[in-house]
Amino acid sequence: MNWYLDVIRKYAVFTGRSRRSEYWYFVLFNTLIIVALTVVDVAMGLYSIEGDLGLLSGVYSLAVFIPSFAVTVRRLHDTDRSGWWLLLALIPVVGVIVLIVFFAADGTPESNRFGENPKQAQAVA
């Protein structure tokens, strides 16, 4: 749960690097929370089938949009790529697959232009 809270604490920090575990644990907890809120929305009658959106899950999604975007940019920084690589998501299917490969790749082992290796920084602290 600390991985999730660390991302929320760094609400709009687009500088630096994020480890794979920080990114993927955030994605996991975020997905679980959205699924749970969607179930609550459906049970309470707050889910709109036409809009494919529930009230609680929609508000939550808006609240974590910026932290999600920030941790994604920091994850790309860890692989020594600019946040502009996120534009690949605009290419149907292939762009998303390439981004998933980038997110799953190990970060550069040494310092890069975006900062120190977060694995080494955590080991020293």
Protein backbone atom coordinates (compact mmCIF):
# COMPACT_ATOMS: atom_id res chain seq x y z
CA MET A 1 0.00 0.00 0.00
CA ASN A 2 2.98 2.33 0.54
CA TRP A 3 3.68 2.32 -3.21
CA TYR A 4 0.19 3.67 -3.82
CA LEU A 5 0.45 6.32 -1.10
CA ASP A 6 3.90 7.43 -2.29
CA VAL A 7 2.46 8.16 -5.74
CA ILE A 8 -0.40 10.14 -4.20
CA ARG A 9 2.08 12.11 -2.03
CA LYS A 10 4.00 13.01 -5.22
CA TYR A 11 0.70 14.27 -6.66
CA ALA A 12 2.06 16.33 -9.57
CA VAL A 13 5.78 15.55 -9.54
CA PHE A 14 6.83 14.94 -13.12
CA THR A 15 10.58 15.02 -12.43
CA GLY A 16 12.71 12.14 -11.29
CA ARG A 17 12.32 8.41 -11.77
CA SER A 18 9.92 5.70 -10.59
CA ARG A 19 10.81 2.06 -10.13
CA ARG A 20 8.83 -0.70 -11.82
CA SER A 21 7.38 -1.80 -8.50
CA GLU A 22 6.12 1.70 -7.69
CA TYR A 23 4.42 2.00 -11.06
CA TRP A 24 2.90 -1.48 -11.22
CA TYR A 25 1.71 -1.52 -7.60
CA PHE A 26 0.04 1.83 -8.21
CA VAL A 27 -1.64 0.43 -11.32
CA LEU A 28 -2.76 -2.67 -9.38
CA PHE A 29 -4.24 -0.76 -6.41
CA ASN A 30 -5.78 1.84 -8.71
CA THR A 31 -7.50 -0.89 -10.76
CA LEU A 32 -8.78 -2.68 -7.65
CA ILE A 33 -10.18 0.57 -6.23
CA ILE A 34 -11.92 1.46 -9.51
CA VAL A 35 -13.46 -2.03 -9.77
CA ALA A 36 -14.69 -1.84 -6.16
CA LEU A 37 -16.16 1.64 -6.70
CA THR A 38 -17.85 0.50 -9.90
CA VAL A 39 -19.47 -2.39 -8.02
CA VAL A 40 -20.70 0.09 -5.39
CA ASP A 41 -21.96 2.42 -8.17
CA VAL A 42 -23.94 -0.42 -9.76
CA ALA A 43 -25.33 -1.57 -6.41
CA MET A 44 -26.45 1.96 -5.51
CA GLY A 45 -27.85 2.71 -8.96
CA LEU A 46 -25.23 5.39 -9.65
CA TYR A 47 -23.85 3.70 -12.77
CA SER A 48 -24.87 4.96 -16.20
CA ILE A 49 -24.82 2.26 -18.85
CA GLU A 50 -25.09 4.85 -21.66
CA GLY A 51 -22.12 6.83 -20.37
CA ASP A 52 -20.31 3.69 -19.14
CA LEU A 53 -19.43 5.61 -15.98
CA GLY A 54 -20.38 5.55 -12.34
CA LEU A 55 -20.47 8.53 -10.01
CA LEU A 56 -17.99 7.29 -7.40
CA SER A 57 -15.62 5.64 -9.85
CA GLY A 58 -15.74 8.73 -12.08
CA VAL A 59 -14.91 11.12 -9.24
CA TYR A 60 -12.09 8.82 -8.10
CA SER A 61 -10.72 8.56 -11.66
CA LEU A 62 -10.64 12.35 -11.94
CA ALA A 63 -8.91 12.63 -8.56
CA VAL A 64 -6.08 10.26 -9.51
CA PHE A 65 -5.66 11.36 -13.13
CA ILE A 66 -2.74 13.70 -12.45
CA PRO A 67 -0.87 11.29 -10.12
CA SER A 68 -1.37 8.51 -12.68
CA PHE A 69 0.02 10.68 -15.43
CA ALA A 70 2.95 11.80 -13.23
CA VAL A 71 3.99 8.27 -12.19
CA THR A 72 3.76 7.16 -15.82
CA VAL A 73 6.10 9.97 -16.90
CA ARG A 74 8.50 9.14 -14.06
CA ARG A 75 8.43 5.46 -15.11
CA LEU A 76 9.44 6.47 -18.64
CA HIS A 77 12.21 8.62 -17.13
CA ASP A 78 13.55 5.53 -15.34
CA THR A 79 14.03 3.87 -18.73
CA ASP A 80 15.77 7.07 -19.98
CA ARG A 81 12.83 8.14 -22.14
CA SER A 82 11.03 11.46 -22.19
CA GLY A 83 7.40 11.75 -21.11
CA TRP A 84 6.59 12.65 -24.70
CA TRP A 85 6.77 8.92 -25.47
CA LEU A 86 3.26 8.73 -23.98
CA LEU A 87 2.01 10.07 -27.30
CA LEU A 88 2.55 6.52 -28.60
CA ALA A 89 -0.74 5.70 -26.87
CA LEU A 90 -2.45 7.59 -29.71
CA ILE A 91 -1.40 4.84 -32.12
CA PRO A 92 -4.05 2.11 -31.84
CA VAL A 93 -2.90 -1.24 -30.40
CA VAL A 94 0.79 -1.00 -31.40
CA GLY A 95 1.43 2.16 -29.40
CA VAL A 96 -0.07 0.71 -26.23
CA ILE A 97 1.92 -2.53 -26.63
CA VAL A 98 5.16 -0.58 -27.05
CA LEU A 99 4.39 1.48 -23.94
CA ILE A 100 3.67 -1.66 -21.89
CA VAL A 101 7.07 -3.02 -22.95
CA PHE A 102 8.69 0.27 -21.86
CA PHE A 103 6.89 0.16 -18.49
CA ALA A 104 7.94 -3.46 -17.92
CA ALA A 105 11.58 -2.85 -18.84
CA ASP A 106 14.17 -2.41 -16.12
CA GLY A 107 15.39 1.14 -15.59
CA THR A 108 18.87 2.27 -16.46
CA PRO A 109 21.21 0.94 -13.75
CA GLU A 110 23.18 4.16 -13.41
CA SER A 111 22.11 7.79 -13.12
CA ASN A 112 20.57 9.20 -16.26
CA ARG A 113 19.48 12.66 -17.40
CA PHE A 114 16.36 12.38 -15.22
CA GLY A 115 18.14 11.65 -11.96
CA GLU A 116 19.66 8.98 -9.75
CA ASN A 117 18.68 5.33 -9.98
CA PRO A 118 15.83 4.96 -7.43
CA LYS A 119 17.04 1.43 -6.56
CA GLN A 120 20.44 2.76 -5.49
CA ALA A 121 18.92 5.75 -3.70
CA GLN A 122 16.66 3.43 -1.69
CA ALA A 123 19.54 1.06 -0.85
CA VAL A 124 21.66 3.92 0.52
CA ALA A 125 18.84 5.39 2.65
